[in-house]
């Protein structure tokens, strides 16, 4: 979602097996998630 090339921040979604983990959320807006009815991941890790 964001790799931090400029000032967009870091936000990475890891899928491993049937588990999904969000690494950081430095996004300035949550447009990528606004249409979701369920959480994008089972947990979030803030580094």
ModelCIF file with pLDDT and N, C-alpha, C, O atoms, coordinates in Angstrom:
data_MODEL
#
_entry.id   MODEL 
#
_entity.id                         1 
_entity.type                       polymer 
_entity.pdbx_number_of_molecules   1 
#
_entity_poly.entity_id                      1 
_entity_poly.type                           'polypeptide(L)' 
_entity_poly.nstd_linkage                   no 
_entity_poly.nstd_monomer                   no 
_entity_poly.pdbx_seq_one_letter_code       
;(UNK)(UNK)(UNK)(UNK)(UNK)(UNK)(UNK)(UNK)(UNK)(UNK)(UNK)(UNK)(UNK)(UNK)(UNK)(UNK)
(UNK)(UNK)(UNK)(UNK)(UNK)(UNK)(UNK)(UNK)(UNK)(UNK)(UNK)(UNK)(UNK)(UNK)(UNK)(UNK)
(UNK)(UNK)(UNK)(UNK)(UNK)(UNK)(UNK)(UNK)(UNK)(UNK)(UNK)(UNK)(UNK)(UNK)(UNK)
;
_entity_poly.pdbx_seq_one_letter_code_can   XXXXXXXXXXXXXXXXXXXXXXXXXXXXXXXXXXXXXXXXXXXXXXX 
_entity_poly.pdbx_strand_id                 A 
#
loop_
_entity_poly_seq.entity_id 
_entity_poly_seq.num 
_entity_poly_seq.mon_id 
_entity_poly_seq.hetero 
1 1  UNK n 
1 2  UNK n 
1 3  UNK n 
1 4  UNK n 
1 5  UNK n 
1 6  UNK n 
1 7  UNK n 
1 8  UNK n 
1 9  UNK n 
1 10 UNK n 
1 11 UNK n 
1 12 UNK n 
1 13 UNK n 
1 14 UNK n 
1 15 UNK n 
1 16 UNK n 
1 17 UNK n 
1 18 UNK n 
1 19 UNK n 
1 20 UNK n 
1 21 UNK n 
1 22 UNK n 
1 23 UNK n 
1 24 UNK n 
1 25 UNK n 
1 26 UNK n 
1 27 UNK n 
1 28 UNK n 
1 29 UNK n 
1 30 UNK n 
1 31 UNK n 
1 32 UNK n 
1 33 UNK n 
1 34 UNK n 
1 35 UNK n 
1 36 UNK n 
1 37 UNK n 
1 38 UNK n 
1 39 UNK n 
1 40 UNK n 
1 41 UNK n 
1 42 UNK n 
1 43 UNK n 
1 44 UNK n 
1 45 UNK n 
1 46 UNK n 
1 47 UNK n 
#
_struct_asym.id          A 
_struct_asym.entity_id   1 
#
loop_
_ma_qa_metric.id 
_ma_qa_metric.mode 
_ma_qa_metric.name 
_ma_qa_metric.software_group_id 
_ma_qa_metric.type 
1 global pLDDT . pLDDT 
2 local  pLDDT . pLDDT 
#
_ma_qa_metric_global.metric_id      1 
_ma_qa_metric_global.metric_value   94.19 
_ma_qa_metric_global.model_id       1 
_ma_qa_metric_global.ordinal_id     1 
#
loop_
_ma_qa_metric_local.label_asym_id 
_ma_qa_metric_local.label_comp_id 
_ma_qa_metric_local.label_seq_id 
_ma_qa_metric_local.metric_id 
_ma_qa_metric_local.metric_value 
_ma_qa_metric_local.model_id 
_ma_qa_metric_local.ordinal_id 
A UNK 1  2 97.00 1 1  
A UNK 2  2 96.00 1 2  
A UNK 3  2 95.00 1 3  
A UNK 4  2 92.00 1 4  
A UNK 5  2 91.00 1 5  
A UNK 6  2 84.00 1 6  
A UNK 7  2 83.00 1 7  
A UNK 8  2 87.00 1 8  
A UNK 9  2 93.00 1 9  
A UNK 10 2 97.00 1 10 
A UNK 11 2 98.00 1 11 
A UNK 12 2 98.00 1 12 
A UNK 13 2 98.00 1 13 
A UNK 14 2 98.00 1 14 
A UNK 15 2 97.00 1 15 
A UNK 16 2 96.00 1 16 
A UNK 17 2 94.00 1 17 
A UNK 18 2 94.00 1 18 
A UNK 19 2 96.00 1 19 
A UNK 20 2 97.00 1 20 
A UNK 21 2 98.00 1 21 
A UNK 22 2 98.00 1 22 
A UNK 23 2 98.00 1 23 
A UNK 24 2 97.00 1 24 
A UNK 25 2 97.00 1 25 
A UNK 26 2 95.00 1 26 
A UNK 27 2 95.00 1 27 
A UNK 28 2 91.00 1 28 
A UNK 29 2 90.00 1 29 
A UNK 30 2 93.00 1 30 
A UNK 31 2 92.00 1 31 
A UNK 32 2 91.00 1 32 
A UNK 33 2 93.00 1 33 
A UNK 34 2 88.00 1 34 
A UNK 35 2 86.00 1 35 
A UNK 36 2 89.00 1 36 
A UNK 37 2 89.00 1 37 
A UNK 38 2 93.00 1 38 
A UNK 39 2 95.00 1 39 
A UNK 40 2 96.00 1 40 
A UNK 41 2 97.00 1 41 
A UNK 42 2 96.00 1 42 
A UNK 43 2 97.00 1 43 
A UNK 44 2 98.00 1 44 
A UNK 45 2 98.00 1 45 
A UNK 46 2 98.00 1 46 
A UNK 47 2 98.00 1 47 
#
loop_
_atom_site.group_PDB 
_atom_site.id 
_atom_site.type_symbol 
_atom_site.label_atom_id 
_atom_site.label_alt_id 
_atom_site.label_comp_id 
_atom_site.label_asym_id 
_atom_site.label_entity_id 
_atom_site.label_seq_id 
_atom_site.pdbx_PDB_ins_code 
_atom_site.Cartn_x 
_atom_site.Cartn_y 
_atom_site.Cartn_z 
_atom_site.occupancy 
_atom_site.B_iso_or_equiv 
_atom_site.pdbx_formal_charge 
_atom_site.auth_seq_id 
_atom_site.auth_comp_id 
_atom_site.auth_asym_id 
_atom_site.auth_atom_id 
_atom_site.pdbx_PDB_model_num 
ATOM 1   N N  . UNK A 1 1  ? 0.834   -1.205  0.000  1.00 97.00 ? 1  UNK A N  1 
ATOM 2   C CA . UNK A 1 1  ? 0.000   0.000   0.000  1.00 97.00 ? 1  UNK A CA 1 
ATOM 3   C C  . UNK A 1 1  ? 0.869   1.257   0.000  1.00 97.00 ? 1  UNK A C  1 
ATOM 4   O O  . UNK A 1 1  ? 0.500   2.274   -0.586 1.00 97.00 ? 1  UNK A O  1 
ATOM 5   N N  . UNK A 1 2  ? 2.019   1.179   0.657  1.00 96.00 ? 2  UNK A N  1 
ATOM 6   C CA . UNK A 1 2  ? 2.971   2.294   0.684  1.00 96.00 ? 2  UNK A CA 1 
ATOM 7   C C  . UNK A 1 2  ? 4.353   1.758   0.977  1.00 96.00 ? 2  UNK A C  1 
ATOM 8   O O  . UNK A 1 2  ? 4.545   1.023   1.946  1.00 96.00 ? 2  UNK A O  1 
ATOM 9   N N  . UNK A 1 3  ? 5.336   2.125   0.134  1.00 95.00 ? 3  UNK A N  1 
ATOM 10  C CA . UNK A 1 3  ? 6.692   1.599   0.320  1.00 95.00 ? 3  UNK A CA 1 
ATOM 11  C C  . UNK A 1 3  ? 7.686   2.677   0.761  1.00 95.00 ? 3  UNK A C  1 
ATOM 12  O O  . UNK A 1 3  ? 8.869   2.383   0.935  1.00 95.00 ? 3  UNK A O  1 
ATOM 13  N N  . UNK A 1 4  ? 7.226   3.923   0.944  1.00 92.00 ? 4  UNK A N  1 
ATOM 14  C CA . UNK A 1 4  ? 8.101   4.957   1.471  1.00 92.00 ? 4  UNK A CA 1 
ATOM 15  C C  . UNK A 1 4  ? 9.139   5.475   0.498  1.00 92.00 ? 4  UNK A C  1 
ATOM 16  O O  . UNK A 1 4  ? 10.239  5.844   0.912  1.00 92.00 ? 4  UNK A O  1 
ATOM 17  N N  . UNK A 1 5  ? 8.813   5.512   -0.804 1.00 91.00 ? 5  UNK A N  1 
ATOM 18  C CA . UNK A 1 5  ? 9.750   6.090   -1.764 1.00 91.00 ? 5  UNK A CA 1 
ATOM 19  C C  . UNK A 1 5  ? 9.838   7.602   -1.596 1.00 91.00 ? 5  UNK A C  1 
ATOM 20  O O  . UNK A 1 5  ? 10.917  8.181   -1.722 1.00 91.00 ? 5  UNK A O  1 
ATOM 21  N N  . UNK A 1 6  ? 8.736   8.227   -1.320 1.00 84.00 ? 6  UNK A N  1 
ATOM 22  C CA . UNK A 1 6  ? 8.703   9.676   -1.125 1.00 84.00 ? 6  UNK A CA 1 
ATOM 23  C C  . UNK A 1 6  ? 8.171   9.953   0.276  1.00 84.00 ? 6  UNK A C  1 
ATOM 24  O O  . UNK A 1 6  ? 8.818   9.613   1.266  1.00 84.00 ? 6  UNK A O  1 
ATOM 25  N N  . UNK A 1 7  ? 6.989   10.570  0.361  1.00 83.00 ? 7  UNK A N  1 
ATOM 26  C CA . UNK A 1 7  ? 6.422   10.875  1.678  1.00 83.00 ? 7  UNK A CA 1 
ATOM 27  C C  . UNK A 1 7  ? 5.096   10.154  1.902  1.00 83.00 ? 7  UNK A C  1 
ATOM 28  O O  . UNK A 1 7  ? 4.296   10.561  2.743  1.00 83.00 ? 7  UNK A O  1 
ATOM 29  N N  . UNK A 1 8  ? 4.860   9.042   1.118  1.00 87.00 ? 8  UNK A N  1 
ATOM 30  C CA . UNK A 1 8  ? 3.568   8.357   1.243  1.00 87.00 ? 8  UNK A CA 1 
ATOM 31  C C  . UNK A 1 8  ? 3.484   7.472   2.473  1.00 87.00 ? 8  UNK A C  1 
ATOM 32  O O  . UNK A 1 8  ? 2.394   7.032   2.838  1.00 87.00 ? 8  UNK A O  1 
ATOM 33  N N  . UNK A 1 9  ? 4.604   7.202   3.116  1.00 93.00 ? 9  UNK A N  1 
ATOM 34  C CA . UNK A 1 9  ? 4.590   6.362   4.312  1.00 93.00 ? 9  UNK A CA 1 
ATOM 35  C C  . UNK A 1 9  ? 4.685   4.882   3.978  1.00 93.00 ? 9  UNK A C  1 
ATOM 36  O O  . UNK A 1 9  ? 4.620   4.480   2.816  1.00 93.00 ? 9  UNK A O  1 
ATOM 37  N N  . UNK A 1 10 ? 4.841   4.082   5.027  1.00 97.00 ? 10 UNK A N  1 
ATOM 38  C CA . UNK A 1 10 ? 4.983   2.637   4.889  1.00 97.00 ? 10 UNK A CA 1 
ATOM 39  C C  . UNK A 1 10 ? 3.682   1.952   5.301  1.00 97.00 ? 10 UNK A C  1 
ATOM 40  O O  . UNK A 1 10 ? 3.113   2.258   6.349  1.00 97.00 ? 10 UNK A O  1 
ATOM 41  N N  . UNK A 1 11 ? 3.219   1.027   4.470  1.00 98.00 ? 11 UNK A N  1 
ATOM 42  C CA . UNK A 1 11 ? 2.072   0.188   4.808  1.00 98.00 ? 11 UNK A CA 1 
ATOM 43  C C  . UNK A 1 11 ? 2.132   -1.063  3.935  1.00 98.00 ? 11 UNK A C  1 
ATOM 44  O O  . UNK A 1 11 ? 1.941   -0.985  2.721  1.00 98.00 ? 11 UNK A O  1 
ATOM 45  N N  . UNK A 1 12 ? 2.394   -2.202  4.544  1.00 98.00 ? 12 UNK A N  1 
ATOM 46  C CA . UNK A 1 12 ? 2.619   -3.456  3.820  1.00 98.00 ? 12 UNK A CA 1 
ATOM 47  C C  . UNK A 1 12 ? 1.707   -4.540  4.366  1.00 98.00 ? 12 UNK A C  1 
ATOM 48  O O  . UNK A 1 12 ? 1.581   -4.697  5.580  1.00 98.00 ? 12 UNK A O  1 
ATOM 49  N N  . UNK A 1 13 ? 1.074   -5.286  3.477  1.00 98.00 ? 13 UNK A N  1 
ATOM 50  C CA . UNK A 1 13 ? 0.189   -6.372  3.888  1.00 98.00 ? 13 UNK A CA 1 
ATOM 51  C C  . UNK A 1 13 ? 0.865   -7.703  3.580  1.00 98.00 ? 13 UNK A C  1 
ATOM 52  O O  . UNK A 1 13 ? 1.071   -8.059  2.420  1.00 98.00 ? 13 UNK A O  1 
ATOM 53  N N  . UNK A 1 14 ? 1.201   -8.421  4.628  1.00 98.00 ? 14 UNK A N  1 
ATOM 54  C CA . UNK A 1 14 ? 1.808   -9.745  4.477  1.00 98.00 ? 14 UNK A CA 1 
ATOM 55  C C  . UNK A 1 14 ? 0.725   -10.814 4.530  1.00 98.00 ? 14 UNK A C  1 
ATOM 56  O O  . UNK A 1 14 ? -0.075  -10.852 5.465  1.00 98.00 ? 14 UNK A O  1 
ATOM 57  N N  . UNK A 1 15 ? 0.705   -11.687 3.514  1.00 97.00 ? 15 UNK A N  1 
ATOM 58  C CA . UNK A 1 15 ? -0.129  -12.878 3.590  1.00 97.00 ? 15 UNK A CA 1 
ATOM 59  C C  . UNK A 1 15 ? 0.792   -14.081 3.712  1.00 97.00 ? 15 UNK A C  1 
ATOM 60  O O  . UNK A 1 15 ? 1.672   -14.294 2.879  1.00 97.00 ? 15 UNK A O  1 
ATOM 61  N N  . UNK A 1 16 ? 0.577   -14.857 4.754  1.00 96.00 ? 16 UNK A N  1 
ATOM 62  C CA . UNK A 1 16 ? 1.369   -16.052 4.986  1.00 96.00 ? 16 UNK A CA 1 
ATOM 63  C C  . UNK A 1 16 ? 0.397   -17.173 5.364  1.00 96.00 ? 16 UNK A C  1 
ATOM 64  O O  . UNK A 1 16 ? -0.196  -17.153 6.442  1.00 96.00 ? 16 UNK A O  1 
ATOM 65  N N  . UNK A 1 17 ? 0.242   -18.148 4.468  1.00 94.00 ? 17 UNK A N  1 
ATOM 66  C CA . UNK A 1 17 ? -0.828  -19.138 4.628  1.00 94.00 ? 17 UNK A CA 1 
ATOM 67  C C  . UNK A 1 17 ? -2.165  -18.436 4.508  1.00 94.00 ? 17 UNK A C  1 
ATOM 68  O O  . UNK A 1 17 ? -2.389  -17.672 3.569  1.00 94.00 ? 17 UNK A O  1 
ATOM 69  N N  . UNK A 1 18 ? -3.052  -18.691 5.455  1.00 94.00 ? 18 UNK A N  1 
ATOM 70  C CA . UNK A 1 18 ? -4.344  -17.992 5.439  1.00 94.00 ? 18 UNK A CA 1 
ATOM 71  C C  . UNK A 1 18 ? -4.369  -16.827 6.429  1.00 94.00 ? 18 UNK A C  1 
ATOM 72  O O  . UNK A 1 18 ? -5.440  -16.325 6.771  1.00 94.00 ? 18 UNK A O  1 
ATOM 73  N N  . UNK A 1 19 ? -3.187  -16.397 6.891  1.00 96.00 ? 19 UNK A N  1 
ATOM 74  C CA . UNK A 1 19 ? -3.087  -15.286 7.845  1.00 96.00 ? 19 UNK A CA 1 
ATOM 75  C C  . UNK A 1 19 ? -2.642  -14.015 7.123  1.00 96.00 ? 19 UNK A C  1 
ATOM 76  O O  . UNK A 1 19 ? -1.851  -14.059 6.180  1.00 96.00 ? 19 UNK A O  1 
ATOM 77  N N  . UNK A 1 20 ? -3.169  -12.885 7.588  1.00 97.00 ? 20 UNK A N  1 
ATOM 78  C CA . UNK A 1 20 ? -2.832  -11.593 6.984  1.00 97.00 ? 20 UNK A CA 1 
ATOM 79  C C  . UNK A 1 20 ? -2.419  -10.625 8.096  1.00 97.00 ? 20 UNK A C  1 
ATOM 80  O O  . UNK A 1 20 ? -3.136  -10.455 9.082  1.00 97.00 ? 20 UNK A O  1 
ATOM 81  N N  . UNK A 1 21 ? -1.258  -9.997  7.923  1.00 98.00 ? 21 UNK A N  1 
ATOM 82  C CA . UNK A 1 21 ? -0.723  -9.075  8.920  1.00 98.00 ? 21 UNK A CA 1 
ATOM 83  C C  . UNK A 1 21 ? -0.345  -7.775  8.215  1.00 98.00 ? 21 UNK A C  1 
ATOM 84  O O  . UNK A 1 21 ? 0.300   -7.790  7.166  1.00 98.00 ? 21 UNK A O  1 
ATOM 85  N N  . UNK A 1 22 ? -0.752  -6.660  8.800  1.00 98.00 ? 22 UNK A N  1 
ATOM 86  C CA . UNK A 1 22 ? -0.420  -5.352  8.250  1.00 98.00 ? 22 UNK A CA 1 
ATOM 87  C C  . UNK A 1 22 ? 0.791   -4.798  8.992  1.00 98.00 ? 22 UNK A C  1 
ATOM 88  O O  . UNK A 1 22 ? 0.752   -4.608  10.208 1.00 98.00 ? 22 UNK A O  1 
ATOM 89  N N  . UNK A 1 23 ? 1.871   -4.539  8.250  1.00 98.00 ? 23 UNK A N  1 
ATOM 90  C CA . UNK A 1 23 ? 3.065   -3.939  8.827  1.00 98.00 ? 23 UNK A CA 1 
ATOM 91  C C  . UNK A 1 23 ? 2.984   -2.429  8.664  1.00 98.00 ? 23 UNK A C  1 
ATOM 92  O O  . UNK A 1 23 ? 3.093   -1.912  7.552  1.00 98.00 ? 23 UNK A O  1 
ATOM 93  N N  . UNK A 1 24 ? 2.792   -1.728  9.768  1.00 97.00 ? 24 UNK A N  1 
ATOM 94  C CA . UNK A 1 24 ? 2.750   -0.259  9.807  1.00 97.00 ? 24 UNK A CA 1 
ATOM 95  C C  . UNK A 1 24 ? 1.577   0.308   9.015  1.00 97.00 ? 24 UNK A C  1 
ATOM 96  O O  . UNK A 1 24 ? 0.989   -0.360  8.164  1.00 97.00 ? 24 UNK A O  1 
ATOM 97  N N  . UNK A 1 25 ? 1.258   1.563   9.324  1.00 97.00 ? 25 UNK A N  1 
ATOM 98  C CA . UNK A 1 25 ? 0.239   2.289   8.550  1.00 97.00 ? 25 UNK A CA 1 
ATOM 99  C C  . UNK A 1 25 ? 0.609   3.770   8.592  1.00 97.00 ? 25 UNK A C  1 
ATOM 100 O O  . UNK A 1 25 ? 0.082   4.541   9.393  1.00 97.00 ? 25 UNK A O  1 
ATOM 101 N N  . UNK A 1 26 ? 1.530   4.142   7.706  1.00 95.00 ? 26 UNK A N  1 
ATOM 102 C CA . UNK A 1 26 ? 1.957   5.532   7.620  1.00 95.00 ? 26 UNK A CA 1 
ATOM 103 C C  . UNK A 1 26 ? 1.217   6.316   6.562  1.00 95.00 ? 26 UNK A C  1 
ATOM 104 O O  . UNK A 1 26 ? 1.630   7.418   6.201  1.00 95.00 ? 26 UNK A O  1 
ATOM 105 N N  . UNK A 1 27 ? 0.115   5.755   6.056  1.00 95.00 ? 27 UNK A N  1 
ATOM 106 C CA . UNK A 1 27 ? -0.659  6.417   5.002  1.00 95.00 ? 27 UNK A CA 1 
ATOM 107 C C  . UNK A 1 27 ? -1.329  7.675   5.535  1.00 95.00 ? 27 UNK A C  1 
ATOM 108 O O  . UNK A 1 27 ? -1.791  7.703   6.676  1.00 95.00 ? 27 UNK A O  1 
ATOM 109 N N  . UNK A 1 28 ? -1.384  8.722   4.704  1.00 91.00 ? 28 UNK A N  1 
ATOM 110 C CA . UNK A 1 28 ? -2.043  9.961   5.110  1.00 91.00 ? 28 UNK A CA 1 
ATOM 111 C C  . UNK A 1 28 ? -3.553  9.875   4.968  1.00 91.00 ? 28 UNK A C  1 
ATOM 112 O O  . UNK A 1 28 ? -4.277  10.662  5.577  1.00 91.00 ? 28 UNK A O  1 
ATOM 113 N N  . UNK A 1 29 ? -4.035  8.933   4.175  1.00 90.00 ? 29 UNK A N  1 
ATOM 114 C CA . UNK A 1 29 ? -5.473  8.673   4.107  1.00 90.00 ? 29 UNK A CA 1 
ATOM 115 C C  . UNK A 1 29 ? -5.687  7.171   3.905  1.00 90.00 ? 29 UNK A C  1 
ATOM 116 O O  . UNK A 1 29 ? -4.804  6.461   3.426  1.00 90.00 ? 29 UNK A O  1 
ATOM 117 N N  . UNK A 1 30 ? -6.877  6.710   4.281  1.00 93.00 ? 30 UNK A N  1 
ATOM 118 C CA . UNK A 1 30 ? -7.163  5.272   4.253  1.00 93.00 ? 30 UNK A CA 1 
ATOM 119 C C  . UNK A 1 30 ? -8.025  4.888   3.054  1.00 93.00 ? 30 UNK A C  1 
ATOM 120 O O  . UNK A 1 30 ? -8.826  3.957   3.131  1.00 93.00 ? 30 UNK A O  1 
ATOM 121 N N  . UNK A 1 31 ? -7.860  5.599   1.958  1.00 92.00 ? 31 UNK A N  1 
ATOM 122 C CA . UNK A 1 31 ? -8.641  5.304   0.771  1.00 92.00 ? 31 UNK A CA 1 
ATOM 123 C C  . UNK A 1 31 ? -8.554  3.841   0.343  1.00 92.00 ? 31 UNK A C  1 
ATOM 124 O O  . UNK A 1 31 ? -9.567  3.288   -0.086 1.00 92.00 ? 31 UNK A O  1 
ATOM 125 N N  . UNK A 1 32 ? -7.377  3.176   0.439  1.00 91.00 ? 32 UNK A N  1 
ATOM 126 C CA . UNK A 1 32 ? -7.315  1.766   0.031  1.00 91.00 ? 32 UNK A CA 1 
ATOM 127 C C  . UNK A 1 32 ? -8.231  0.850   0.840  1.00 91.00 ? 32 UNK A C  1 
ATOM 128 O O  . UNK A 1 32 ? -8.568  -0.243  0.387  1.00 91.00 ? 32 UNK A O  1 
ATOM 129 N N  . UNK A 1 33 ? -8.636  1.288   2.035  1.00 93.00 ? 33 UNK A N  1 
ATOM 130 C CA . UNK A 1 33 ? -9.435  0.428   2.907  1.00 93.00 ? 33 UNK A CA 1 
ATOM 131 C C  . UNK A 1 33 ? -10.886 0.892   3.062  1.00 93.00 ? 33 UNK A C  1 
ATOM 132 O O  . UNK A 1 33 ? -11.666 0.237   3.753  1.00 93.00 ? 33 UNK A O  1 
ATOM 133 N N  . UNK A 1 34 ? -11.260 2.011   2.430  1.00 88.00 ? 34 UNK A N  1 
ATOM 134 C CA . UNK A 1 34 ? -12.546 2.623   2.750  1.00 88.00 ? 34 UNK A CA 1 
ATOM 135 C C  . UNK A 1 34 ? -13.753 1.798   2.306  1.00 88.00 ? 34 UNK A C  1 
ATOM 136 O O  . UNK A 1 34 ? -14.836 1.950   2.872  1.00 88.00 ? 34 UNK A O  1 
ATOM 137 N N  . UNK A 1 35 ? -13.591 0.934   1.312  1.00 86.00 ? 35 UNK A N  1 
ATOM 138 C CA . UNK A 1 35 ? -14.726 0.138   0.833  1.00 86.00 ? 35 UNK A CA 1 
ATOM 139 C C  . UNK A 1 35 ? -14.794 -1.255  1.466  1.00 86.00 ? 35 UNK A C  1 
ATOM 140 O O  . UNK A 1 35 ? -15.646 -2.064  1.100  1.00 86.00 ? 35 UNK A O  1 
ATOM 141 N N  . UNK A 1 36 ? -13.907 -1.527  2.402  1.00 89.00 ? 36 UNK A N  1 
ATOM 142 C CA . UNK A 1 36 ? -13.885 -2.847  3.021  1.00 89.00 ? 36 UNK A CA 1 
ATOM 143 C C  . UNK A 1 36 ? -14.933 -2.937  4.124  1.00 89.00 ? 36 UNK A C  1 
ATOM 144 O O  . UNK A 1 36 ? -15.093 -2.015  4.923  1.00 89.00 ? 36 UNK A O  1 
ATOM 145 N N  . UNK A 1 37 ? -15.636 -4.053  4.155  1.00 89.00 ? 37 UNK A N  1 
ATOM 146 C CA . UNK A 1 37 ? -16.617 -4.282  5.228  1.00 89.00 ? 37 UNK A CA 1 
ATOM 147 C C  . UNK A 1 37 ? -16.019 -5.096  6.360  1.00 89.00 ? 37 UNK A C  1 
ATOM 148 O O  . UNK A 1 37 ? -16.604 -5.194  7.438  1.00 89.00 ? 37 UNK A O  1 
ATOM 149 N N  . UNK A 1 38 ? -14.869 -5.675  6.119  1.00 93.00 ? 38 UNK A N  1 
ATOM 150 C CA . UNK A 1 38 ? -14.171 -6.450  7.155  1.00 93.00 ? 38 UNK A CA 1 
ATOM 151 C C  . UNK A 1 38 ? -12.740 -5.917  7.250  1.00 93.00 ? 38 UNK A C  1 
ATOM 152 O O  . UNK A 1 38 ? -12.257 -5.306  6.296  1.00 93.00 ? 38 UNK A O  1 
ATOM 153 N N  . UNK A 1 39 ? -12.055 -6.129  8.363  1.00 95.00 ? 39 UNK A N  1 
ATOM 154 C CA . UNK A 1 39 ? -10.678 -5.645  8.510  1.00 95.00 ? 39 UNK A CA 1 
ATOM 155 C C  . UNK A 1 39 ? -9.762  -6.208  7.424  1.00 95.00 ? 39 UNK A C  1 
ATOM 156 O O  . UNK A 1 39 ? -9.942  -7.347  6.994  1.00 95.00 ? 39 UNK A O  1 
ATOM 157 N N  . UNK A 1 40 ? -8.789  -5.428  6.982  1.00 96.00 ? 40 UNK A N  1 
ATOM 158 C CA . UNK A 1 40 ? -7.874  -5.899  5.938  1.00 96.00 ? 40 UNK A CA 1 
ATOM 159 C C  . UNK A 1 40 ? -6.887  -6.961  6.430  1.00 96.00 ? 40 UNK A C  1 
ATOM 160 O O  . UNK A 1 40 ? -6.260  -7.646  5.622  1.00 96.00 ? 40 UNK A O  1 
ATOM 161 N N  . UNK A 1 41 ? -6.750  -7.098  7.755  1.00 97.00 ? 41 UNK A N  1 
ATOM 162 C CA . UNK A 1 41 ? -5.802  -8.063  8.308  1.00 97.00 ? 41 UNK A CA 1 
ATOM 163 C C  . UNK A 1 41 ? -6.294  -8.541  9.664  1.00 97.00 ? 41 UNK A C  1 
ATOM 164 O O  . UNK A 1 41 ? -7.207  -7.958  10.248 1.00 97.00 ? 41 UNK A O  1 
ATOM 165 N N  . UNK A 1 42 ? -5.681  -9.603  10.154 1.00 96.00 ? 42 UNK A N  1 
ATOM 166 C CA . UNK A 1 42 ? -6.024  -10.105 11.487 1.00 96.00 ? 42 UNK A CA 1 
ATOM 167 C C  . UNK A 1 42 ? -5.383  -9.269  12.584 1.00 96.00 ? 42 UNK A C  1 
ATOM 168 O O  . UNK A 1 42 ? -5.894  -9.197  13.702 1.00 96.00 ? 42 UNK A O  1 
ATOM 169 N N  . UNK A 1 43 ? -4.274  -8.647  12.259 1.00 97.00 ? 43 UNK A N  1 
ATOM 170 C CA . UNK A 1 43 ? -3.603  -7.784  13.238 1.00 97.00 ? 43 UNK A CA 1 
ATOM 171 C C  . UNK A 1 43 ? -2.732  -6.785  12.510 1.00 97.00 ? 43 UNK A C  1 
ATOM 172 O O  . UNK A 1 43 ? -2.397  -6.967  11.339 1.00 97.00 ? 43 UNK A O  1 
ATOM 173 N N  . UNK A 1 44 ? -2.363  -5.716  13.225 1.00 98.00 ? 44 UNK A N  1 
ATOM 174 C CA . UNK A 1 44 ? -1.470  -4.680  12.714 1.00 98.00 ? 44 UNK A CA 1 
ATOM 175 C C  . UNK A 1 44 ? -0.253  -4.631  13.627 1.00 98.00 ? 44 UNK A C  1 
ATOM 176 O O  . UNK A 1 44 ? -0.377  -4.728  14.848 1.00 98.00 ? 44 UNK A O  1 
ATOM 177 N N  . UNK A 1 45 ? 0.913   -4.480  13.031 1.00 98.00 ? 45 UNK A N  1 
ATOM 178 C CA . UNK A 1 45 ? 2.137   -4.272  13.807 1.00 98.00 ? 45 UNK A CA 1 
ATOM 179 C C  . UNK A 1 45 ? 2.687   -2.898  13.476 1.00 98.00 ? 45 UNK A C  1 
ATOM 180 O O  . UNK A 1 45 ? 2.908   -2.577  12.308 1.00 98.00 ? 45 UNK A O  1 
ATOM 181 N N  . UNK A 1 46 ? 2.911   -2.079  14.507 1.00 98.00 ? 46 UNK A N  1 
ATOM 182 C CA . UNK A 1 46 ? 3.520   -0.757  14.337 1.00 98.00 ? 46 UNK A CA 1 
ATOM 183 C C  . UNK A 1 46 ? 4.966   -0.844  14.793 1.00 98.00 ? 46 UNK A C  1 
ATOM 184 O O  . UNK A 1 46 ? 5.237   -1.127  15.960 1.00 98.00 ? 46 UNK A O  1 
ATOM 185 N N  . UNK A 1 47 ? 5.899   -0.600  13.872 1.00 98.00 ? 47 UNK A N  1 
ATOM 186 C CA . UNK A 1 47 ? 7.313   -0.785  14.193 1.00 98.00 ? 47 UNK A CA 1 
ATOM 187 C C  . UNK A 1 47 ? 7.868   0.303   15.106 1.00 98.00 ? 47 UNK A C  1 
ATOM 188 O O  . UNK A 1 47 ? 9.048   0.271   15.457 1.00 98.00 ? 47 UNK A O  1 
#
